[in-house]
């Protein structure tokens, strides 16, 4: 079992987005980008972006790889199921992954739990071309 957690100040994401709006294409998958563009409120867009940034960092930490080639943020997709729960829909390991994303006024944080053994995670990543 592996656990990853990340936290970021929402203001940092807001400033990065203001400097370079194209940053969303490096962070969000195409499906996440569709959802982002439907959000009417800029503050909600920034919170969404910060949450997705955190959950992808947490996922990469739980994998034990960090964000290294071939893993890129835009290649990981986290969508919400019909109850609103975040679910990994694209990434090197999809099964046995539990996600949680939270926001406050000033920070976003996320936790990822991969309920597989260390060897199962390593084997799956090697099969997908990761150099460990």
N, C-alpha and C. Protein backbone atom coordinates (compact mmCIF):
# COMPACT_ATOMS: atom_id res chain seq x y z
N UNK A 1 0.85 -1.17 0.00
CA UNK A 1 0.00 0.00 0.00
C UNK A 1 0.90 1.24 0.00
N UNK A 2 0.54 2.22 -0.82
CA UNK A 2 1.33 3.47 -0.92
C UNK A 2 0.41 4.66 -0.72
N UNK A 3 0.92 5.69 -0.07
CA UNK A 3 0.17 6.90 0.21
C UNK A 3 0.93 8.11 -0.31
N UNK A 4 0.22 9.03 -0.92
CA UNK A 4 0.82 10.29 -1.36
C UNK A 4 -0.10 11.44 -0.98
N UNK A 5 0.49 12.56 -0.58
CA UNK A 5 -0.27 13.75 -0.19
C UNK A 5 0.41 14.99 -0.76
N UNK A 6 -0.39 15.98 -1.11
CA UNK A 6 0.17 17.25 -1.58
C UNK A 6 -0.74 18.38 -1.12
N UNK A 7 -0.16 19.54 -0.93
CA UNK A 7 -0.89 20.74 -0.54
C UNK A 7 -0.26 21.93 -1.26
N UNK A 8 -1.09 22.87 -1.68
CA UNK A 8 -0.56 24.06 -2.36
C UNK A 8 -1.43 25.26 -2.02
N UNK A 9 -0.80 26.41 -1.95
CA UNK A 9 -1.54 27.66 -1.77
C UNK A 9 -2.24 27.98 -3.09
N UNK A 10 -3.52 28.22 -3.03
CA UNK A 10 -4.30 28.51 -4.23
C UNK A 10 -3.77 29.76 -4.93
N UNK A 11 -3.28 30.71 -4.17
CA UNK A 11 -2.73 31.94 -4.75
C UNK A 11 -1.57 31.65 -5.70
N UNK A 12 -0.75 30.65 -5.40
CA UNK A 12 0.37 30.29 -6.29
C UNK A 12 -0.14 29.83 -7.65
N UNK A 13 -1.20 29.03 -7.64
CA UNK A 13 -1.79 28.56 -8.90
C UNK A 13 -2.42 29.74 -9.64
N UNK A 14 -3.09 30.63 -8.90
CA UNK A 14 -3.71 31.81 -9.51
C UNK A 14 -2.66 32.67 -10.21
N UNK A 15 -1.53 32.89 -9.55
CA UNK A 15 -0.46 33.71 -10.13
C UNK A 15 0.16 33.02 -11.35
N UNK A 16 0.37 31.72 -11.27
CA UNK A 16 0.94 30.98 -12.41
C UNK A 16 0.00 31.04 -13.61
N UNK A 17 -1.30 30.90 -13.36
CA UNK A 17 -2.29 30.96 -14.43
C UNK A 17 -2.36 32.37 -15.03
N UNK A 18 -2.25 33.41 -14.19
CA UNK A 18 -2.28 34.79 -14.68
C UNK A 18 -1.06 35.08 -15.56
N UNK A 19 0.10 34.54 -15.19
CA UNK A 19 1.32 34.74 -15.98
C UNK A 19 1.26 33.99 -17.31
N UNK A 20 0.68 32.79 -17.27
CA UNK A 20 0.66 31.94 -18.47
C UNK A 20 -0.61 31.09 -18.48
N UNK A 21 -1.70 31.59 -19.08
CA UNK A 21 -2.94 30.83 -19.11
C UNK A 21 -2.81 29.45 -19.77
N UNK A 22 -1.80 29.26 -20.60
CA UNK A 22 -1.61 27.97 -21.27
C UNK A 22 -1.12 26.88 -20.31
N UNK A 23 -0.81 27.26 -19.07
CA UNK A 23 -0.37 26.28 -18.08
C UNK A 23 -1.44 25.21 -17.86
N UNK A 24 -2.70 25.57 -18.11
CA UNK A 24 -3.77 24.59 -17.92
C UNK A 24 -3.57 23.38 -18.82
N UNK A 25 -2.97 23.56 -19.99
CA UNK A 25 -2.75 22.44 -20.91
C UNK A 25 -1.64 21.51 -20.43
N UNK A 26 -0.80 21.99 -19.53
CA UNK A 26 0.25 21.14 -18.94
C UNK A 26 -0.26 20.40 -17.72
N UNK A 27 -1.29 20.96 -17.07
CA UNK A 27 -1.82 20.36 -15.85
C UNK A 27 -3.03 19.48 -16.12
N UNK A 28 -3.95 19.95 -16.96
CA UNK A 28 -5.23 19.26 -17.15
C UNK A 28 -5.22 18.35 -18.37
N UNK A 29 -5.90 17.21 -18.23
CA UNK A 29 -6.13 16.33 -19.37
C UNK A 29 -7.21 16.97 -20.25
N UNK A 30 -7.39 16.49 -21.49
CA UNK A 30 -8.44 17.06 -22.34
C UNK A 30 -9.83 17.01 -21.70
N UNK A 31 -10.17 15.93 -21.02
CA UNK A 31 -11.50 15.83 -20.38
C UNK A 31 -11.62 16.80 -19.20
N UNK A 32 -10.55 16.95 -18.44
CA UNK A 32 -10.56 17.91 -17.33
C UNK A 32 -10.66 19.33 -17.87
N UNK A 33 -10.00 19.59 -18.97
CA UNK A 33 -10.04 20.92 -19.60
C UNK A 33 -11.46 21.27 -20.04
N UNK A 34 -12.19 20.29 -20.56
CA UNK A 34 -13.59 20.51 -20.94
C UNK A 34 -14.40 20.97 -19.73
N UNK A 35 -14.21 20.28 -18.60
CA UNK A 35 -14.93 20.63 -17.38
C UNK A 35 -14.51 22.02 -16.88
N UNK A 36 -13.21 22.29 -16.88
CA UNK A 36 -12.66 23.58 -16.46
C UNK A 36 -13.33 24.72 -17.22
N UNK A 37 -13.47 24.56 -18.53
CA UNK A 37 -14.03 25.62 -19.37
C UNK A 37 -15.52 25.83 -19.13
N UNK A 38 -16.20 24.83 -18.56
CA UNK A 38 -17.63 24.97 -18.24
C UNK A 38 -17.86 25.75 -16.94
N UNK A 39 -16.84 25.83 -16.11
CA UNK A 39 -16.98 26.55 -14.84
C UNK A 39 -17.12 28.04 -15.12
N UNK A 40 -18.17 28.64 -14.58
CA UNK A 40 -18.50 30.04 -14.88
C UNK A 40 -17.69 31.04 -14.07
N UNK A 41 -17.25 30.64 -12.91
CA UNK A 41 -16.59 31.54 -11.97
C UNK A 41 -15.09 31.33 -12.01
N UNK A 42 -14.32 32.41 -12.19
CA UNK A 42 -12.86 32.29 -12.28
C UNK A 42 -12.26 31.71 -11.00
N UNK A 43 -12.80 32.09 -9.84
CA UNK A 43 -12.28 31.56 -8.58
C UNK A 43 -12.48 30.04 -8.53
N UNK A 44 -13.63 29.57 -8.99
CA UNK A 44 -13.90 28.13 -9.01
C UNK A 44 -12.95 27.43 -9.98
N UNK A 45 -12.64 28.06 -11.12
CA UNK A 45 -11.68 27.50 -12.07
C UNK A 45 -10.31 27.34 -11.41
N UNK A 46 -9.87 28.35 -10.68
CA UNK A 46 -8.56 28.31 -10.03
C UNK A 46 -8.55 27.22 -8.95
N UNK A 47 -9.63 27.11 -8.18
CA UNK A 47 -9.71 26.05 -7.16
C UNK A 47 -9.66 24.67 -7.82
N UNK A 48 -10.37 24.51 -8.93
CA UNK A 48 -10.36 23.24 -9.66
C UNK A 48 -8.95 22.92 -10.14
N UNK A 49 -8.29 23.91 -10.72
CA UNK A 49 -6.93 23.73 -11.22
C UNK A 49 -5.98 23.36 -10.08
N UNK A 50 -6.09 24.04 -8.95
CA UNK A 50 -5.23 23.75 -7.79
C UNK A 50 -5.50 22.34 -7.27
N UNK A 51 -6.76 21.95 -7.21
CA UNK A 51 -7.10 20.60 -6.74
C UNK A 51 -6.55 19.53 -7.65
N UNK A 52 -6.66 19.74 -8.96
CA UNK A 52 -6.14 18.74 -9.91
C UNK A 52 -4.62 18.69 -9.86
N UNK A 53 -3.97 19.84 -9.70
CA UNK A 53 -2.52 19.86 -9.55
C UNK A 53 -2.11 19.02 -8.34
N UNK A 54 -2.78 19.26 -7.21
CA UNK A 54 -2.45 18.53 -5.97
C UNK A 54 -2.70 17.04 -6.09
N UNK A 55 -3.83 16.65 -6.67
CA UNK A 55 -4.14 15.23 -6.72
C UNK A 55 -3.17 14.49 -7.64
N UNK A 56 -2.69 15.15 -8.67
CA UNK A 56 -1.72 14.51 -9.57
C UNK A 56 -0.35 14.40 -8.90
N UNK A 57 0.03 15.41 -8.12
CA UNK A 57 1.26 15.32 -7.34
C UNK A 57 1.14 14.20 -6.31
N UNK A 58 0.01 14.12 -5.62
CA UNK A 58 -0.20 13.07 -4.62
C UNK A 58 -0.15 11.68 -5.27
N UNK A 59 -0.75 11.54 -6.44
CA UNK A 59 -0.73 10.27 -7.18
C UNK A 59 0.69 9.88 -7.55
N UNK A 60 1.47 10.83 -8.05
CA UNK A 60 2.85 10.52 -8.44
C UNK A 60 3.69 10.14 -7.22
N UNK A 61 3.40 10.75 -6.08
CA UNK A 61 4.11 10.39 -4.85
C UNK A 61 3.71 8.99 -4.38
N UNK A 62 2.42 8.66 -4.49
CA UNK A 62 1.97 7.32 -4.10
C UNK A 62 2.58 6.26 -5.02
N UNK A 63 2.73 6.58 -6.30
CA UNK A 63 3.39 5.66 -7.22
C UNK A 63 4.85 5.46 -6.84
N UNK A 64 5.43 6.47 -6.21
CA UNK A 64 6.84 6.42 -5.84
C UNK A 64 7.77 6.89 -6.94
N UNK A 65 7.20 7.50 -7.98
CA UNK A 65 8.00 7.94 -9.13
C UNK A 65 8.19 9.44 -9.18
N UNK A 66 7.26 10.19 -8.62
CA UNK A 66 7.22 11.62 -8.90
C UNK A 66 6.78 11.78 -10.35
N UNK A 67 6.79 12.99 -10.82
CA UNK A 67 6.38 13.25 -12.21
C UNK A 67 7.61 13.16 -13.11
N UNK A 68 7.91 11.94 -13.54
CA UNK A 68 9.04 11.69 -14.43
C UNK A 68 8.53 11.12 -15.73
N UNK A 69 9.32 11.23 -16.78
CA UNK A 69 8.96 10.65 -18.07
C UNK A 69 8.72 9.15 -17.89
N UNK A 70 7.67 8.58 -18.38
CA UNK A 70 6.68 9.13 -19.30
C UNK A 70 5.44 9.73 -18.62
N UNK A 71 5.46 9.90 -17.31
CA UNK A 71 4.30 10.42 -16.58
C UNK A 71 4.29 11.95 -16.61
N UNK A 72 3.20 12.50 -17.16
CA UNK A 72 3.01 13.95 -17.21
C UNK A 72 1.66 14.27 -16.60
N UNK A 73 1.53 15.46 -16.04
CA UNK A 73 0.26 15.84 -15.42
C UNK A 73 -0.92 15.71 -16.37
N UNK A 74 -0.76 16.20 -17.59
CA UNK A 74 -1.87 16.16 -18.55
C UNK A 74 -2.20 14.73 -18.99
N UNK A 75 -1.31 13.79 -18.70
CA UNK A 75 -1.55 12.38 -19.01
C UNK A 75 -2.25 11.63 -17.89
N UNK A 76 -2.54 12.34 -16.82
CA UNK A 76 -3.31 11.80 -15.70
C UNK A 76 -4.65 12.52 -15.72
N UNK A 77 -5.73 11.78 -15.60
CA UNK A 77 -7.04 12.41 -15.63
C UNK A 77 -7.84 11.99 -14.40
N UNK A 78 -8.36 12.97 -13.69
CA UNK A 78 -9.20 12.73 -12.52
C UNK A 78 -10.56 13.37 -12.79
N UNK A 79 -11.57 12.54 -12.91
CA UNK A 79 -12.93 13.00 -13.14
C UNK A 79 -13.76 12.69 -11.90
N UNK A 80 -14.98 13.16 -11.87
CA UNK A 80 -15.85 12.88 -10.74
C UNK A 80 -16.92 11.88 -11.15
N UNK A 81 -17.20 10.92 -10.25
CA UNK A 81 -18.28 9.98 -10.54
C UNK A 81 -19.62 10.67 -10.27
N UNK A 82 -20.72 9.95 -10.41
CA UNK A 82 -22.04 10.57 -10.28
C UNK A 82 -22.32 11.10 -8.88
N UNK A 83 -21.57 10.63 -7.88
CA UNK A 83 -21.74 11.13 -6.51
C UNK A 83 -20.81 12.30 -6.21
N UNK A 84 -19.93 12.65 -7.16
CA UNK A 84 -18.99 13.75 -6.97
C UNK A 84 -17.62 13.31 -6.49
N UNK A 85 -17.45 12.02 -6.26
CA UNK A 85 -16.17 11.49 -5.77
C UNK A 85 -15.13 11.53 -6.88
N UNK A 86 -13.91 12.04 -6.60
CA UNK A 86 -12.86 12.04 -7.63
C UNK A 86 -12.38 10.62 -7.92
N UNK A 87 -12.29 10.32 -9.22
CA UNK A 87 -11.90 8.98 -9.66
C UNK A 87 -10.83 9.13 -10.74
N UNK A 88 -9.79 8.34 -10.62
CA UNK A 88 -8.73 8.34 -11.63
C UNK A 88 -9.25 7.66 -12.88
N UNK A 89 -9.23 8.35 -14.02
CA UNK A 89 -9.72 7.76 -15.26
C UNK A 89 -8.62 7.57 -16.29
N UNK A 90 -7.43 8.12 -16.03
CA UNK A 90 -6.30 7.95 -16.94
C UNK A 90 -5.02 8.06 -16.13
N UNK A 91 -4.13 7.08 -16.29
CA UNK A 91 -2.86 7.06 -15.58
C UNK A 91 -2.28 5.65 -15.66
N UNK A 92 -1.05 5.46 -15.22
CA UNK A 92 -0.41 4.15 -15.36
C UNK A 92 -1.04 3.06 -14.49
N UNK A 93 -1.62 3.41 -13.36
CA UNK A 93 -2.33 2.44 -12.52
C UNK A 93 -3.69 3.04 -12.20
N UNK A 94 -4.76 2.33 -12.56
CA UNK A 94 -6.11 2.83 -12.33
C UNK A 94 -6.82 2.07 -11.23
N UNK A 95 -6.52 0.76 -11.11
CA UNK A 95 -7.20 -0.07 -10.12
C UNK A 95 -6.63 0.18 -8.73
N UNK A 96 -7.47 0.03 -7.74
CA UNK A 96 -7.06 0.12 -6.33
C UNK A 96 -6.52 1.50 -5.96
N UNK A 97 -7.02 2.55 -6.61
CA UNK A 97 -6.59 3.92 -6.32
C UNK A 97 -7.75 4.68 -5.68
N UNK A 98 -7.50 5.25 -4.51
CA UNK A 98 -8.49 6.07 -3.82
C UNK A 98 -7.96 7.49 -3.74
N UNK A 99 -8.83 8.47 -4.05
CA UNK A 99 -8.42 9.88 -4.09
C UNK A 99 -9.31 10.73 -3.20
N UNK A 100 -8.75 11.78 -2.66
CA UNK A 100 -9.51 12.78 -1.93
C UNK A 100 -8.91 14.15 -2.25
N UNK A 101 -9.78 15.12 -2.54
CA UNK A 101 -9.36 16.49 -2.83
C UNK A 101 -10.16 17.42 -1.93
N UNK A 102 -9.48 18.38 -1.30
CA UNK A 102 -10.16 19.37 -0.45
C UNK A 102 -9.62 20.76 -0.74
N UNK A 103 -10.49 21.76 -0.52
CA UNK A 103 -10.10 23.16 -0.70
C UNK A 103 -10.53 23.94 0.53
N UNK A 104 -9.78 24.96 0.85
CA UNK A 104 -10.24 25.98 1.80
C UNK A 104 -10.11 27.30 1.05
N UNK A 105 -10.25 28.38 1.74
CA UNK A 105 -10.11 29.68 1.08
C UNK A 105 -8.71 29.86 0.48
N UNK A 106 -7.70 29.35 1.17
CA UNK A 106 -6.33 29.65 0.75
C UNK A 106 -5.51 28.46 0.25
N UNK A 107 -5.92 27.23 0.53
CA UNK A 107 -5.13 26.08 0.10
C UNK A 107 -6.00 24.99 -0.52
N UNK A 108 -5.35 24.19 -1.35
CA UNK A 108 -5.94 22.96 -1.87
C UNK A 108 -5.02 21.84 -1.43
N UNK A 109 -5.62 20.68 -1.14
CA UNK A 109 -4.81 19.53 -0.76
C UNK A 109 -5.46 18.28 -1.32
N UNK A 110 -4.63 17.26 -1.48
CA UNK A 110 -5.14 15.99 -2.00
C UNK A 110 -4.35 14.85 -1.40
N UNK A 111 -5.02 13.71 -1.31
CA UNK A 111 -4.40 12.48 -0.83
C UNK A 111 -4.73 11.38 -1.81
N UNK A 112 -3.77 10.50 -2.04
CA UNK A 112 -3.95 9.35 -2.91
C UNK A 112 -3.46 8.11 -2.18
N UNK A 113 -4.29 7.08 -2.16
CA UNK A 113 -3.92 5.79 -1.60
C UNK A 113 -4.00 4.76 -2.71
N UNK A 114 -2.92 4.04 -2.93
CA UNK A 114 -2.91 2.94 -3.89
C UNK A 114 -2.84 1.66 -3.08
N UNK A 115 -3.91 0.88 -3.14
CA UNK A 115 -4.02 -0.33 -2.33
C UNK A 115 -3.46 -1.54 -3.08
N UNK A 116 -2.18 -1.45 -3.41
CA UNK A 116 -1.44 -2.55 -4.04
C UNK A 116 -0.12 -2.68 -3.31
N UNK A 117 0.48 -3.85 -3.40
CA UNK A 117 1.79 -4.03 -2.76
C UNK A 117 2.85 -3.25 -3.53
N UNK A 118 3.94 -3.00 -2.86
CA UNK A 118 5.09 -2.32 -3.47
C UNK A 118 5.50 -3.02 -4.77
N UNK A 119 5.57 -4.35 -4.73
CA UNK A 119 5.97 -5.13 -5.91
C UNK A 119 4.96 -5.04 -7.04
N UNK A 120 3.67 -5.04 -6.71
CA UNK A 120 2.63 -4.91 -7.74
C UNK A 120 2.71 -3.55 -8.44
N UNK A 121 2.94 -2.51 -7.67
CA UNK A 121 3.08 -1.17 -8.25
C UNK A 121 4.31 -1.12 -9.16
N UNK A 122 5.42 -1.61 -8.64
CA UNK A 122 6.68 -1.59 -9.41
C UNK A 122 6.53 -2.38 -10.71
N UNK A 123 5.94 -3.58 -10.64
CA UNK A 123 5.77 -4.42 -11.83
C UNK A 123 4.88 -3.74 -12.86
N UNK A 124 3.79 -3.13 -12.40
CA UNK A 124 2.88 -2.44 -13.32
C UNK A 124 3.57 -1.27 -14.02
N UNK A 125 4.37 -0.52 -13.28
CA UNK A 125 5.09 0.61 -13.87
C UNK A 125 6.14 0.15 -14.87
N UNK A 126 6.86 -0.92 -14.54
CA UNK A 126 7.87 -1.45 -15.47
C UNK A 126 7.21 -1.91 -16.77
N UNK A 127 6.05 -2.54 -16.67
CA UNK A 127 5.32 -3.00 -17.86
C UNK A 127 4.88 -1.83 -18.73
N UNK A 128 4.72 -0.66 -18.14
CA UNK A 128 4.29 0.53 -18.88
C UNK A 128 5.45 1.41 -19.31
N UNK A 129 6.67 0.91 -19.18
CA UNK A 129 7.83 1.62 -19.72
C UNK A 129 8.56 2.54 -18.77
N UNK A 130 8.21 2.51 -17.49
CA UNK A 130 8.93 3.35 -16.53
C UNK A 130 10.29 2.74 -16.24
N UNK A 131 11.27 3.58 -16.09
CA UNK A 131 12.62 3.16 -15.71
C UNK A 131 12.76 3.42 -14.22
N UNK A 132 12.74 2.36 -13.44
CA UNK A 132 12.80 2.52 -11.97
C UNK A 132 14.17 2.18 -11.45
